[in-house]
Amino acid sequence: MSKHIASLAVFLILGCLPAATQQKTAEIWKPAHFRNLTVGQSTTKQVIAELGKPTYLGKEEDTGVPLWTYEVQEPLPGFLYVYIRKGRLAGIGLGLASPVETSAIIRLFGNGYQLVRYDFDDCLGQGGTAPVFRSPNGPLEKMEFPQLGVSASIHNSKVQEISYTSHPAGQAYSRCPPKRSAPVPSKLPAARQH
């Protein structure tokens, strides 16, 4: 599983505080709907009834969360990564077969999005993964559709994956203590020669 998809798992599973505490100034995040499924509400039986038998059944490599994989053509061709937690649909990631322009995402979900950047909260990392937080200069860029519970990850100006969740990708602020620069040693005056 690629690092990019592993990051998706972290966003889906570790960033699960209520949206109201994460984004005080932004819209409230609503649970995503995918076909007849609702993130956080649909059961594993409902997932199987809607999507059928998965092509792969296993666990996400970094978090150990149950993961089911499906090959899909709709809404765009790619692999659907279905995350299950406590017998319910915890989130869905759609890894696109080919990157698409952001205009294709706008056609699918509309104009009600905001561009948000995230960075890793490295002090909270566990085994190669770390939760993320909003950061204006962060390396991760997303188109977020809070009213739909959907976000699209942008890399090199193209979308490579779509996430269906019940919360934003991360916290509003870093939970790590601020980084302090190392103290600069002061220069001692040179010894005088007589």
Protein backbone atom coordinates (compact mmCIF):
# COMPACT_ATOMS: atom_id res chain seq x y z
CA MET A 1 0.00 0.00 0.00
CA SER A 2 1.50 3.35 -0.98
CA LYS A 3 2.46 6.05 1.53
CA HIS A 4 -0.24 8.22 -0.06
CA ILE A 5 -2.96 5.70 0.73
CA ALA A 6 -1.44 5.13 4.19
CA SER A 7 -1.83 8.88 4.76
CA LEU A 8 -5.46 8.54 3.79
CA ALA A 9 -5.96 5.91 6.48
CA VAL A 10 -4.50 8.26 9.05
CA PHE A 11 -6.86 11.04 7.94
CA LEU A 12 -9.86 8.75 8.08
CA ILE A 13 -9.15 7.03 11.36
CA LEU A 14 -6.96 9.24 13.57
CA GLY A 15 -8.58 12.60 12.80
CA CYS A 16 -11.88 11.71 14.44
CA LEU A 17 -12.67 14.47 16.91
CA PRO A 18 -16.04 16.21 16.43
CA ALA A 19 -15.90 18.71 13.59
CA ALA A 20 -17.14 21.57 15.78
CA THR A 21 -13.95 21.42 17.87
CA GLN A 22 -11.72 21.17 14.82
CA GLN A 23 -13.08 24.01 12.70
CA LYS A 24 -14.72 26.74 14.70
CA THR A 25 -14.89 29.19 11.82
CA ALA A 26 -15.66 26.76 9.01
CA GLU A 27 -18.84 24.91 8.17
CA ILE A 28 -19.83 21.91 10.24
CA TRP A 29 -18.64 18.69 8.60
CA LYS A 30 -21.45 16.29 7.69
CA PRO A 31 -21.05 12.51 7.29
CA ALA A 32 -20.43 11.50 3.68
CA HIS A 33 -22.81 9.44 1.61
CA PHE A 34 -21.50 6.99 -0.97
CA ARG A 35 -24.23 5.34 -3.00
CA ASN A 36 -26.71 4.16 -0.30
CA LEU A 37 -24.10 4.13 2.48
CA THR A 38 -23.49 6.74 5.21
CA VAL A 39 -20.12 7.00 6.91
CA GLY A 40 -20.38 6.34 10.64
CA GLN A 41 -23.87 4.81 10.35
CA SER A 42 -23.91 2.01 7.76
CA THR A 43 -23.15 -1.49 9.07
CA THR A 44 -20.83 -4.05 7.53
CA LYS A 45 -23.90 -5.96 6.28
CA GLN A 46 -25.14 -2.83 4.51
CA VAL A 47 -21.68 -2.28 2.96
CA ILE A 48 -21.67 -5.84 1.57
CA ALA A 49 -25.26 -5.50 0.33
CA GLU A 50 -24.38 -2.26 -1.49
CA LEU A 51 -20.85 -3.00 -2.78
CA GLY A 52 -20.73 -6.80 -2.86
CA LYS A 53 -17.83 -9.03 -1.89
CA PRO A 54 -14.53 -7.11 -1.65
CA THR A 55 -11.59 -8.05 -3.88
CA TYR A 56 -9.28 -7.76 -0.86
CA LEU A 57 -9.96 -8.18 2.85
CA GLY A 58 -7.24 -7.25 5.32
CA LYS A 59 -5.93 -4.57 7.65
CA GLU A 60 -4.40 -1.18 6.96
CA GLU A 61 -0.67 -1.71 7.33
CA ASP A 62 0.14 1.20 9.68
CA THR A 63 -2.99 1.33 11.87
CA GLY A 64 -4.33 -2.24 11.78
CA VAL A 65 -7.84 -0.97 10.98
CA PRO A 66 -9.90 -3.47 8.91
CA LEU A 67 -9.72 -2.57 5.23
CA TRP A 68 -11.80 -3.84 2.30
CA THR A 69 -10.85 -3.06 -1.29
CA TYR A 70 -13.05 -2.86 -4.39
CA GLU A 71 -12.25 -1.99 -7.99
CA VAL A 72 -14.79 0.60 -9.20
CA GLN A 73 -15.64 2.64 -12.29
CA GLU A 74 -17.99 5.14 -10.61
CA PRO A 75 -17.83 7.99 -9.74
CA LEU A 76 -14.33 7.71 -11.29
CA PRO A 77 -12.23 4.61 -12.12
CA GLY A 78 -9.98 3.41 -9.32
CA PHE A 79 -9.79 1.42 -6.12
CA LEU A 80 -12.22 1.95 -3.28
CA TYR A 81 -10.69 1.50 0.19
CA VAL A 82 -13.44 0.85 2.74
CA TYR A 83 -12.47 1.22 6.42
CA ILE A 84 -14.51 -0.64 9.03
CA ARG A 85 -14.46 0.16 12.74
CA LYS A 86 -16.62 -1.55 15.37
CA GLY A 87 -18.90 -3.08 12.72
CA ARG A 88 -19.61 0.25 11.00
CA LEU A 89 -18.36 2.10 7.95
CA ALA A 90 -15.60 4.40 9.28
CA GLY A 91 -14.59 5.98 5.97
CA ILE A 92 -13.98 5.42 2.30
CA GLY A 93 -11.04 6.39 0.14
CA LEU A 94 -11.13 6.32 -3.63
CA GLY A 95 -7.61 6.03 -5.07
CA LEU A 96 -8.02 7.19 -8.66
CA ALA A 97 -6.64 5.05 -11.49
CA SER A 98 -5.37 8.26 -13.11
CA PRO A 99 -5.10 11.74 -11.61
CA VAL A 100 -7.82 14.18 -12.72
CA GLU A 101 -8.12 17.95 -12.98
CA THR A 102 -9.82 19.76 -10.09
CA SER A 103 -12.54 20.77 -12.57
CA ALA A 104 -13.63 17.09 -12.72
CA ILE A 105 -14.07 17.12 -8.94
CA ILE A 106 -16.09 20.35 -9.12
CA ARG A 107 -18.35 18.73 -11.74
CA LEU A 108 -18.92 15.79 -9.36
CA PHE A 109 -19.44 17.69 -6.09
CA GLY A 110 -20.20 21.31 -7.00
CA ASN A 111 -18.67 24.66 -6.07
CA GLY A 112 -19.16 24.42 -2.29
CA TYR A 113 -15.53 23.68 -1.47
CA GLN A 114 -12.63 25.30 0.30
CA LEU A 115 -8.92 24.76 -0.33
CA VAL A 116 -7.17 23.69 2.87
CA ARG A 117 -3.56 22.81 3.61
CA TYR A 118 -2.43 20.37 6.29
CA ASP A 119 0.86 19.45 7.92
CA PHE A 120 1.86 16.43 10.00
CA ASP A 121 1.72 16.55 13.81
CA ASP A 122 4.98 14.59 14.00
CA CYS A 123 5.18 14.43 17.80
CA LEU A 124 2.00 12.30 17.75
CA GLY A 125 3.30 9.87 15.10
CA GLN A 126 2.91 6.14 15.59
CA GLY A 127 4.89 3.70 13.48
CA GLY A 128 5.41 5.94 10.46
CA THR A 129 2.03 7.70 10.54
CA ALA A 130 0.98 10.92 12.20
CA PRO A 131 -2.27 12.87 12.41
CA VAL A 132 -2.47 16.18 10.56
CA PHE A 133 -3.50 19.73 11.38
CA ARG A 134 -4.46 22.82 9.36
CA SER A 135 -1.38 24.76 8.37
CA PRO A 136 -1.28 27.52 5.71
CA ASN A 137 2.12 26.27 4.49
CA GLY A 138 1.54 22.54 4.96
CA PRO A 139 2.59 20.11 2.22
CA LEU A 140 -0.85 18.44 1.94
CA GLU A 141 -3.51 20.30 -0.06
CA LYS A 142 -7.17 19.33 -0.12
CA MET A 143 -10.40 20.50 -1.70
CA GLU A 144 -12.90 20.06 1.16
CA PHE A 145 -16.67 19.86 0.71
CA PRO A 146 -17.84 20.00 4.38
CA GLN A 147 -21.56 19.83 3.56
CA LEU A 148 -20.92 16.55 1.71
CA GLY A 149 -18.29 15.03 4.01
CA VAL A 150 -15.94 14.75 1.04
CA SER A 151 -12.38 15.90 0.40
CA ALA A 152 -10.06 15.51 -2.58
CA SER A 153 -6.28 15.34 -2.21
CA ILE A 154 -4.36 17.53 -4.64
CA HIS A 155 -0.82 16.76 -5.75
CA ASN A 156 0.91 18.63 -8.60
CA SER A 157 -2.37 20.47 -9.34
CA LYS A 158 -4.28 17.20 -9.91
CA VAL A 159 -6.55 15.09 -7.72
CA GLN A 160 -5.29 11.61 -6.92
CA GLU A 161 -7.78 10.47 -4.29
CA ILE A 162 -11.16 11.29 -2.82
CA SER A 163 -12.08 10.72 0.84
CA TYR A 164 -15.59 10.15 2.17
CA THR A 165 -15.57 10.74 5.95
CA SER A 166 -17.54 12.14 8.87
CA HIS A 167 -14.88 14.70 9.82
CA PRO A 168 -12.20 16.92 8.29
CA ALA A 169 -8.78 15.41 7.62
CA GLY A 170 -7.27 16.88 10.79
CA GLN A 171 -7.29 19.24 13.71
CA ALA A 172 -7.61 23.01 13.40
CA TYR A 173 -4.27 23.43 15.24
CA SER A 174 -1.15 21.42 15.99
CA ARG A 175 -1.21 19.55 19.30
CA CYS A 176 2.60 19.36 19.39
CA PRO A 177 4.62 21.82 21.46
CA PRO A 178 6.16 24.59 19.34
CA LYS A 179 9.59 23.77 17.94
CA ARG A 180 12.35 25.81 19.47
CA SER A 181 15.56 26.57 17.68
CA ALA A 182 18.77 25.39 19.22
CA PRO A 183 20.53 28.07 21.24
CA VAL A 184 23.38 29.77 19.45
CA PRO A 185 26.58 29.63 21.49
CA SER A 186 27.83 33.08 22.37
CA LYS A 187 31.34 33.96 21.34
CA LEU A 188 33.79 34.44 24.13
CA PRO A 189 36.04 37.44 23.76
CA ALA A 190 39.46 36.54 22.46
CA ALA A 191 42.21 36.41 25.08
CA ARG A 192 44.42 39.50 25.11
CA GLN A 193 48.06 39.06 24.39
CA HIS A 194 50.52 41.33 26.19
